[in-house]
N, C-alpha and C. Protein backbone atom coordinates (compact mmCIF):
# COMPACT_ATOMS: atom_id res chain seq x y z
N MET A 1 -11.07 -14.88 -2.02
CA MET A 1 -11.28 -16.17 -2.60
C MET A 1 -10.50 -17.25 -1.84
N CYS A 2 -9.25 -16.96 -1.53
CA CYS A 2 -8.44 -17.91 -0.75
C CYS A 2 -9.04 -18.10 0.63
N GLN A 3 -9.52 -17.02 1.21
CA GLN A 3 -10.11 -17.10 2.55
C GLN A 3 -11.35 -18.00 2.53
N THR A 4 -12.17 -17.86 1.51
CA THR A 4 -13.36 -18.70 1.37
C THR A 4 -12.96 -20.16 1.19
N LEU A 5 -11.92 -20.41 0.43
CA LEU A 5 -11.43 -21.77 0.24
C LEU A 5 -11.01 -22.39 1.58
N VAL A 6 -10.28 -21.61 2.38
CA VAL A 6 -9.85 -22.11 3.69
C VAL A 6 -11.06 -22.35 4.59
N GLU A 7 -12.03 -21.43 4.56
CA GLU A 7 -13.23 -21.59 5.38
C GLU A 7 -14.02 -22.84 4.98
N GLN A 8 -13.98 -23.19 3.71
CA GLN A 8 -14.75 -24.33 3.20
C GLN A 8 -13.92 -25.60 3.08
N GLN A 9 -12.76 -25.64 3.70
CA GLN A 9 -11.85 -26.78 3.58
C GLN A 9 -12.54 -28.10 3.95
N LYS A 10 -13.19 -28.14 5.09
CA LYS A 10 -13.84 -29.38 5.55
C LYS A 10 -14.94 -29.81 4.58
N ALA A 11 -15.76 -28.87 4.15
CA ALA A 11 -16.84 -29.19 3.22
C ALA A 11 -16.27 -29.72 1.90
N LEU A 12 -15.20 -29.11 1.44
CA LEU A 12 -14.56 -29.55 0.21
C LEU A 12 -14.01 -30.97 0.35
N GLU A 13 -13.38 -31.25 1.47
CA GLU A 13 -12.84 -32.60 1.71
C GLU A 13 -13.95 -33.64 1.77
N ILE A 14 -15.06 -33.31 2.42
CA ILE A 14 -16.20 -34.23 2.49
C ILE A 14 -16.77 -34.48 1.09
N TYR A 15 -16.91 -33.42 0.33
CA TYR A 15 -17.44 -33.55 -1.04
C TYR A 15 -16.53 -34.45 -1.88
N LEU A 16 -15.23 -34.20 -1.83
CA LEU A 16 -14.29 -35.00 -2.62
C LEU A 16 -14.29 -36.46 -2.18
N MET A 17 -14.43 -36.69 -0.89
CA MET A 17 -14.46 -38.06 -0.38
C MET A 17 -15.75 -38.76 -0.83
N ARG A 18 -16.86 -38.05 -0.75
CA ARG A 18 -18.15 -38.63 -1.12
C ARG A 18 -18.18 -39.04 -2.60
N TRP A 19 -17.55 -38.25 -3.44
CA TRP A 19 -17.58 -38.52 -4.88
C TRP A 19 -16.31 -39.21 -5.36
N ASP A 20 -15.55 -39.77 -4.44
CA ASP A 20 -14.34 -40.53 -4.75
C ASP A 20 -13.37 -39.72 -5.63
N LYS A 21 -13.12 -38.48 -5.21
CA LYS A 21 -12.22 -37.58 -5.94
C LYS A 21 -11.11 -37.06 -5.03
N MET A 22 -10.72 -37.84 -4.05
CA MET A 22 -9.71 -37.39 -3.08
C MET A 22 -8.37 -37.04 -3.74
N HIS A 23 -8.12 -37.57 -4.92
CA HIS A 23 -6.88 -37.22 -5.62
C HIS A 23 -6.85 -35.73 -6.01
N LEU A 24 -8.00 -35.09 -5.99
CA LEU A 24 -8.07 -33.65 -6.30
C LEU A 24 -7.84 -32.78 -5.07
N ASN A 25 -7.86 -33.38 -3.89
CA ASN A 25 -7.70 -32.62 -2.66
C ASN A 25 -6.26 -32.09 -2.54
N LEU A 26 -6.13 -30.99 -1.85
CA LEU A 26 -4.81 -30.41 -1.61
C LEU A 26 -4.10 -31.18 -0.49
N LYS A 27 -2.79 -31.19 -0.55
CA LYS A 27 -1.98 -31.81 0.50
C LYS A 27 -1.99 -30.88 1.72
N PRO A 28 -1.72 -31.42 2.92
CA PRO A 28 -1.72 -30.57 4.13
C PRO A 28 -0.78 -29.37 4.01
N GLU A 29 0.39 -29.55 3.41
CA GLU A 29 1.31 -28.41 3.26
C GLU A 29 0.78 -27.37 2.28
N GLU A 30 -0.02 -27.80 1.30
CA GLU A 30 -0.63 -26.85 0.37
C GLU A 30 -1.73 -26.04 1.07
N TRP A 31 -2.49 -26.72 1.93
CA TRP A 31 -3.50 -26.00 2.72
C TRP A 31 -2.82 -24.97 3.63
N MET A 32 -1.68 -25.36 4.20
CA MET A 32 -0.96 -24.45 5.09
C MET A 32 -0.45 -23.23 4.32
N THR A 33 0.04 -23.45 3.11
CA THR A 33 0.50 -22.33 2.28
C THR A 33 -0.65 -21.39 1.96
N ILE A 34 -1.81 -21.94 1.65
CA ILE A 34 -2.97 -21.10 1.36
C ILE A 34 -3.36 -20.29 2.59
N LYS A 35 -3.32 -20.90 3.76
CA LYS A 35 -3.64 -20.18 5.00
C LYS A 35 -2.65 -19.04 5.24
N LYS A 36 -1.38 -19.28 4.94
CA LYS A 36 -0.37 -18.22 5.07
C LYS A 36 -0.62 -17.10 4.07
N MET A 37 -1.05 -17.47 2.87
CA MET A 37 -1.37 -16.47 1.85
C MET A 37 -2.53 -15.58 2.31
N VAL A 38 -3.51 -16.19 2.96
CA VAL A 38 -4.64 -15.41 3.48
C VAL A 38 -4.12 -14.38 4.48
N GLY A 39 -3.21 -14.79 5.35
CA GLY A 39 -2.62 -13.86 6.31
C GLY A 39 -1.86 -12.74 5.63
N LEU A 40 -1.20 -13.04 4.52
CA LEU A 40 -0.46 -12.02 3.77
C LEU A 40 -1.41 -11.06 3.07
N LEU A 41 -2.52 -11.58 2.57
CA LEU A 41 -3.44 -10.77 1.78
C LEU A 41 -4.41 -9.94 2.62
N GLU A 42 -4.62 -10.29 3.88
CA GLU A 42 -5.56 -9.54 4.73
C GLU A 42 -5.21 -8.05 4.84
N PRO A 43 -3.94 -7.69 5.13
CA PRO A 43 -3.63 -6.26 5.19
C PRO A 43 -3.82 -5.56 3.84
N LEU A 44 -3.59 -6.29 2.75
CA LEU A 44 -3.79 -5.71 1.42
C LEU A 44 -5.27 -5.40 1.17
N GLU A 45 -6.13 -6.29 1.59
CA GLU A 45 -7.56 -6.07 1.42
C GLU A 45 -8.02 -4.85 2.22
N SER A 46 -7.57 -4.76 3.45
CA SER A 46 -7.94 -3.63 4.30
C SER A 46 -7.45 -2.31 3.70
N ALA A 47 -6.19 -2.29 3.27
CA ALA A 47 -5.63 -1.07 2.68
C ALA A 47 -6.35 -0.73 1.38
N SER A 48 -6.65 -1.73 0.59
CA SER A 48 -7.35 -1.51 -0.68
C SER A 48 -8.72 -0.89 -0.45
N ASN A 49 -9.43 -1.38 0.55
CA ASN A 49 -10.75 -0.81 0.87
C ASN A 49 -10.63 0.66 1.26
N GLN A 50 -9.60 1.00 2.02
CA GLN A 50 -9.41 2.40 2.43
C GLN A 50 -8.97 3.27 1.25
N LEU A 51 -8.05 2.77 0.44
CA LEU A 51 -7.51 3.57 -0.66
C LEU A 51 -8.53 3.81 -1.77
N CYS A 52 -9.49 2.92 -1.91
CA CYS A 52 -10.44 3.02 -3.01
C CYS A 52 -11.69 3.82 -2.68
N ARG A 53 -11.76 4.36 -1.48
CA ARG A 53 -12.91 5.20 -1.14
C ARG A 53 -12.84 6.48 -1.97
N ALA A 54 -13.98 6.89 -2.46
CA ALA A 54 -14.03 8.05 -3.36
C ALA A 54 -13.60 9.34 -2.67
N ASN A 55 -13.88 9.48 -1.40
CA ASN A 55 -13.60 10.75 -0.71
C ASN A 55 -12.30 10.72 0.08
N GLU A 56 -11.44 9.76 -0.17
CA GLU A 56 -10.18 9.64 0.57
C GLU A 56 -9.16 10.65 0.02
N PRO A 57 -8.67 11.57 0.85
CA PRO A 57 -7.70 12.55 0.35
C PRO A 57 -6.36 11.89 0.01
N ILE A 58 -5.66 12.49 -0.91
CA ILE A 58 -4.38 11.94 -1.36
C ILE A 58 -3.37 11.88 -0.22
N SER A 59 -3.46 12.80 0.72
CA SER A 59 -2.50 12.83 1.82
C SER A 59 -2.64 11.63 2.74
N VAL A 60 -3.79 10.96 2.75
CA VAL A 60 -4.01 9.79 3.60
C VAL A 60 -3.48 8.52 2.93
N GLN A 61 -3.41 8.53 1.61
CA GLN A 61 -3.01 7.33 0.88
C GLN A 61 -1.58 6.90 1.20
N PHE A 62 -0.69 7.83 1.35
CA PHE A 62 0.71 7.47 1.56
C PHE A 62 0.98 6.91 2.95
N PRO A 63 0.39 7.46 4.00
CA PRO A 63 0.54 6.81 5.31
C PRO A 63 -0.06 5.40 5.34
N ILE A 64 -1.17 5.20 4.63
CA ILE A 64 -1.75 3.85 4.56
C ILE A 64 -0.77 2.91 3.88
N ALA A 65 -0.16 3.37 2.80
CA ALA A 65 0.82 2.54 2.09
C ALA A 65 2.03 2.26 2.97
N ARG A 66 2.45 3.23 3.77
CA ARG A 66 3.58 3.02 4.70
C ARG A 66 3.24 1.95 5.73
N ALA A 67 2.03 2.04 6.28
CA ALA A 67 1.60 1.04 7.27
C ALA A 67 1.51 -0.34 6.63
N LEU A 68 1.02 -0.40 5.41
CA LEU A 68 0.93 -1.67 4.70
C LEU A 68 2.32 -2.24 4.45
N THR A 69 3.26 -1.39 4.08
CA THR A 69 4.64 -1.84 3.87
C THR A 69 5.21 -2.42 5.15
N ALA A 70 4.95 -1.77 6.28
CA ALA A 70 5.43 -2.29 7.56
C ALA A 70 4.81 -3.65 7.88
N ASP A 71 3.50 -3.80 7.59
CA ASP A 71 2.83 -5.08 7.83
C ASP A 71 3.45 -6.19 6.98
N ILE A 72 3.75 -5.88 5.74
CA ILE A 72 4.32 -6.90 4.84
C ILE A 72 5.76 -7.21 5.22
N TYR A 73 6.52 -6.20 5.64
CA TYR A 73 7.89 -6.46 6.11
C TYR A 73 7.89 -7.42 7.30
N ALA A 74 6.85 -7.35 8.12
CA ALA A 74 6.78 -8.18 9.33
C ALA A 74 6.58 -9.66 9.01
N ILE A 75 6.14 -9.97 7.81
CA ILE A 75 5.93 -11.37 7.42
C ILE A 75 7.27 -11.96 7.01
N THR A 76 7.70 -12.96 7.75
CA THR A 76 9.05 -13.51 7.53
C THR A 76 9.03 -14.95 7.05
N ASP A 77 7.88 -15.48 6.75
CA ASP A 77 7.78 -16.88 6.33
C ASP A 77 8.56 -17.11 5.04
N PRO A 78 9.47 -18.09 5.01
CA PRO A 78 10.27 -18.33 3.81
C PRO A 78 9.44 -18.73 2.58
N GLU A 79 8.31 -19.39 2.79
CA GLU A 79 7.46 -19.79 1.67
C GLU A 79 6.85 -18.59 0.95
N LEU A 80 6.70 -17.49 1.66
CA LEU A 80 6.07 -16.30 1.09
C LEU A 80 7.10 -15.25 0.68
N ARG A 81 8.37 -15.59 0.73
CA ARG A 81 9.44 -14.63 0.47
C ARG A 81 9.32 -13.97 -0.91
N VAL A 82 9.07 -14.77 -1.95
CA VAL A 82 9.00 -14.23 -3.31
C VAL A 82 7.81 -13.29 -3.45
N ILE A 83 6.65 -13.73 -2.98
CA ILE A 83 5.45 -12.90 -3.08
C ILE A 83 5.63 -11.63 -2.26
N ARG A 84 6.19 -11.76 -1.07
CA ARG A 84 6.45 -10.61 -0.20
C ARG A 84 7.35 -9.61 -0.91
N GLY A 85 8.40 -10.10 -1.54
CA GLY A 85 9.32 -9.22 -2.26
C GLY A 85 8.64 -8.48 -3.40
N LYS A 86 7.80 -9.18 -4.13
CA LYS A 86 7.08 -8.54 -5.25
C LYS A 86 6.11 -7.48 -4.74
N LEU A 87 5.39 -7.80 -3.67
CA LEU A 87 4.45 -6.83 -3.10
C LEU A 87 5.17 -5.58 -2.62
N LEU A 88 6.29 -5.78 -1.92
CA LEU A 88 7.06 -4.63 -1.43
C LEU A 88 7.59 -3.81 -2.59
N GLY A 89 8.04 -4.47 -3.64
CA GLY A 89 8.53 -3.75 -4.83
C GLY A 89 7.44 -2.90 -5.45
N MET A 90 6.24 -3.45 -5.56
CA MET A 90 5.13 -2.69 -6.14
C MET A 90 4.73 -1.52 -5.25
N LEU A 91 4.74 -1.73 -3.94
CA LEU A 91 4.39 -0.64 -3.02
C LEU A 91 5.41 0.50 -3.12
N VAL A 92 6.68 0.15 -3.16
CA VAL A 92 7.72 1.18 -3.27
C VAL A 92 7.57 1.92 -4.60
N GLU A 93 7.33 1.17 -5.66
CA GLU A 93 7.20 1.77 -6.99
C GLU A 93 6.02 2.74 -7.06
N ASN A 94 4.92 2.39 -6.42
CA ASN A 94 3.71 3.20 -6.54
C ASN A 94 3.52 4.23 -5.43
N PHE A 95 4.13 4.01 -4.26
CA PHE A 95 3.85 4.90 -3.14
C PHE A 95 5.08 5.53 -2.52
N ASP A 96 6.25 5.30 -3.04
CA ASP A 96 7.44 5.96 -2.49
C ASP A 96 7.61 7.29 -3.21
N VAL A 97 6.72 8.21 -2.89
CA VAL A 97 6.65 9.47 -3.64
C VAL A 97 6.88 10.69 -2.74
N GLU A 98 7.55 10.48 -1.63
CA GLU A 98 7.71 11.60 -0.71
C GLU A 98 8.50 12.74 -1.33
N TYR A 99 9.27 12.45 -2.38
CA TYR A 99 10.05 13.51 -3.03
C TYR A 99 9.44 13.94 -4.36
N GLU A 100 8.18 13.56 -4.59
CA GLU A 100 7.44 14.08 -5.73
C GLU A 100 6.65 15.28 -5.24
N LYS A 101 6.69 16.33 -5.99
CA LYS A 101 6.15 17.62 -5.55
C LYS A 101 4.69 17.55 -5.08
N ILE A 102 3.79 17.11 -5.92
CA ILE A 102 2.37 17.18 -5.58
C ILE A 102 2.02 16.29 -4.38
N HIS A 103 2.59 15.09 -4.35
CA HIS A 103 2.29 14.18 -3.25
C HIS A 103 2.97 14.62 -1.95
N GLY A 104 4.19 15.06 -2.06
CA GLY A 104 4.91 15.53 -0.88
C GLY A 104 4.24 16.73 -0.25
N MET A 105 3.83 17.69 -1.09
CA MET A 105 3.17 18.89 -0.56
C MET A 105 1.80 18.54 0.04
N ALA A 106 1.05 17.66 -0.63
CA ALA A 106 -0.27 17.28 -0.12
C ALA A 106 -0.15 16.65 1.26
N THR A 107 0.84 15.80 1.42
CA THR A 107 1.03 15.13 2.71
C THR A 107 1.52 16.11 3.76
N PHE A 108 2.46 16.97 3.39
CA PHE A 108 3.03 17.92 4.35
C PHE A 108 1.98 18.93 4.81
N LEU A 109 1.12 19.35 3.92
CA LEU A 109 0.12 20.36 4.26
C LEU A 109 -1.05 19.78 5.05
N ASP A 110 -1.16 18.48 5.13
CA ASP A 110 -2.19 17.83 5.95
C ASP A 110 -1.64 17.78 7.38
N ALA A 111 -2.29 18.48 8.29
CA ALA A 111 -1.79 18.61 9.67
C ALA A 111 -1.64 17.27 10.38
N ARG A 112 -2.36 16.26 9.93
CA ARG A 112 -2.26 14.95 10.58
C ARG A 112 -0.93 14.25 10.28
N PHE A 113 -0.28 14.61 9.19
CA PHE A 113 0.89 13.85 8.76
C PHE A 113 2.18 14.65 8.71
N LYS A 114 2.10 15.88 8.21
CA LYS A 114 3.30 16.72 8.07
C LYS A 114 4.45 15.92 7.46
N ASP A 115 5.49 15.68 8.25
CA ASP A 115 6.67 14.96 7.73
C ASP A 115 6.78 13.55 8.31
N ARG A 116 5.70 13.05 8.88
CA ARG A 116 5.76 11.74 9.56
C ARG A 116 6.00 10.57 8.62
N ILE A 117 5.63 10.68 7.34
CA ILE A 117 5.83 9.55 6.44
C ILE A 117 7.23 9.51 5.85
N SER A 118 7.98 10.56 6.07
CA SER A 118 9.30 10.65 5.46
C SER A 118 10.35 9.89 6.25
N SER A 119 11.25 9.25 5.53
CA SER A 119 12.35 8.55 6.20
C SER A 119 13.43 9.53 6.65
N ASP A 120 13.58 10.65 5.93
CA ASP A 120 14.55 11.69 6.28
C ASP A 120 13.78 13.00 6.43
N LYS A 121 13.34 13.28 7.65
CA LYS A 121 12.45 14.41 7.91
C LYS A 121 13.06 15.76 7.52
N ALA A 122 14.32 15.97 7.84
CA ALA A 122 14.97 17.25 7.53
C ALA A 122 15.03 17.47 6.02
N LYS A 123 15.41 16.45 5.30
CA LYS A 123 15.50 16.56 3.84
C LYS A 123 14.12 16.80 3.24
N PHE A 124 13.11 16.12 3.78
CA PHE A 124 11.75 16.28 3.29
C PHE A 124 11.25 17.71 3.52
N ARG A 125 11.46 18.24 4.74
CA ARG A 125 11.04 19.62 5.04
C ARG A 125 11.75 20.62 4.12
N GLU A 126 13.03 20.39 3.89
CA GLU A 126 13.80 21.26 3.00
C GLU A 126 13.24 21.22 1.58
N LYS A 127 12.89 20.05 1.12
CA LYS A 127 12.35 19.89 -0.23
C LYS A 127 10.99 20.57 -0.34
N VAL A 128 10.14 20.41 0.67
CA VAL A 128 8.82 21.05 0.65
C VAL A 128 8.97 22.57 0.67
N ALA A 129 9.89 23.08 1.46
CA ALA A 129 10.13 24.53 1.50
C ALA A 129 10.54 25.04 0.12
N SER A 130 11.40 24.30 -0.56
CA SER A 130 11.82 24.75 -1.90
C SER A 130 10.65 24.70 -2.89
N TRP A 131 9.77 23.69 -2.76
CA TRP A 131 8.61 23.62 -3.64
C TRP A 131 7.67 24.80 -3.40
N ILE A 132 7.49 25.15 -2.13
CA ILE A 132 6.60 26.28 -1.81
C ILE A 132 7.20 27.58 -2.34
N LYS A 133 8.50 27.77 -2.15
CA LYS A 133 9.15 28.97 -2.70
C LYS A 133 9.01 29.02 -4.21
N GLN A 134 9.18 27.88 -4.84
CA GLN A 134 9.07 27.80 -6.30
C GLN A 134 7.65 28.17 -6.74
N GLU A 135 6.64 27.67 -6.04
CA GLU A 135 5.25 27.99 -6.36
C GLU A 135 4.98 29.48 -6.19
N CYS A 136 5.49 30.06 -5.10
CA CYS A 136 5.29 31.49 -4.85
C CYS A 136 5.97 32.32 -5.92
N THR A 137 7.17 31.94 -6.32
CA THR A 137 7.90 32.65 -7.36
C THR A 137 7.15 32.58 -8.68
N GLN A 138 6.65 31.41 -9.04
CA GLN A 138 5.90 31.26 -10.29
C GLN A 138 4.62 32.07 -10.26
N GLU A 139 3.95 32.09 -9.11
CA GLU A 139 2.71 32.83 -8.99
C GLU A 139 2.97 34.33 -9.10
N ASN A 140 4.02 34.82 -8.42
CA ASN A 140 4.37 36.24 -8.50
C ASN A 140 4.75 36.62 -9.93
N HIS A 141 5.46 35.75 -10.62
CA HIS A 141 5.86 36.01 -12.00
C HIS A 141 4.62 36.09 -12.89
N ALA A 142 3.63 35.22 -12.65
CA ALA A 142 2.40 35.23 -13.44
C ALA A 142 1.62 36.51 -13.21
N VAL A 143 1.60 37.01 -11.97
CA VAL A 143 0.89 38.25 -11.66
C VAL A 143 1.57 39.43 -12.35
N VAL A 144 2.89 39.47 -12.34
CA VAL A 144 3.64 40.55 -12.99
C VAL A 144 3.37 40.54 -14.49
N VAL A 145 3.34 39.38 -15.11
CA VAL A 145 3.08 39.27 -16.54
C VAL A 145 1.66 39.74 -16.86
N GLU A 146 0.68 39.39 -16.02
CA GLU A 146 -0.70 39.83 -16.23
C GLU A 146 -0.80 41.35 -16.11
N ASP A 147 -0.12 41.94 -15.11
CA ASP A 147 -0.15 43.39 -14.92
C ASP A 147 0.49 44.10 -16.10
N ALA A 148 1.53 43.53 -16.67
CA ALA A 148 2.22 44.15 -17.79
C ALA A 148 1.38 44.07 -19.06
N GLY A 149 0.52 43.06 -19.17
CA GLY A 149 -0.28 42.84 -20.39
C GLY A 149 -1.44 43.73 -20.40
């Protein structure tokens, strides 16, 4: 929506001038802020399109979120600082799951990613190994219980 507004800026200005409504027009600094917002939102739109595909495996979602986080960190404009901070907070809250069992294992078992999304690779590998041992132990225990029954 913001992108369309920026694309239609000239047409909007002509319309407002023709109908003597220039007081409704945005100031140049407001137009500039909207253009900066479009730049901030472009990586979000791209990531959203990828994440919302029905056949996208869970292991791909976290690297996409990591790349998106890096793109947002790269935006240093002071006018966008608050929005940038909120976006980063939401990304961390929803996608910083490398130490959650199901997400960590899904990513590690995908040969394309292994431990590449982890900030501490050794700790991540150690955690995944413990999850796998735990799963094997639970499975062996379930088999023993079935055999005994």
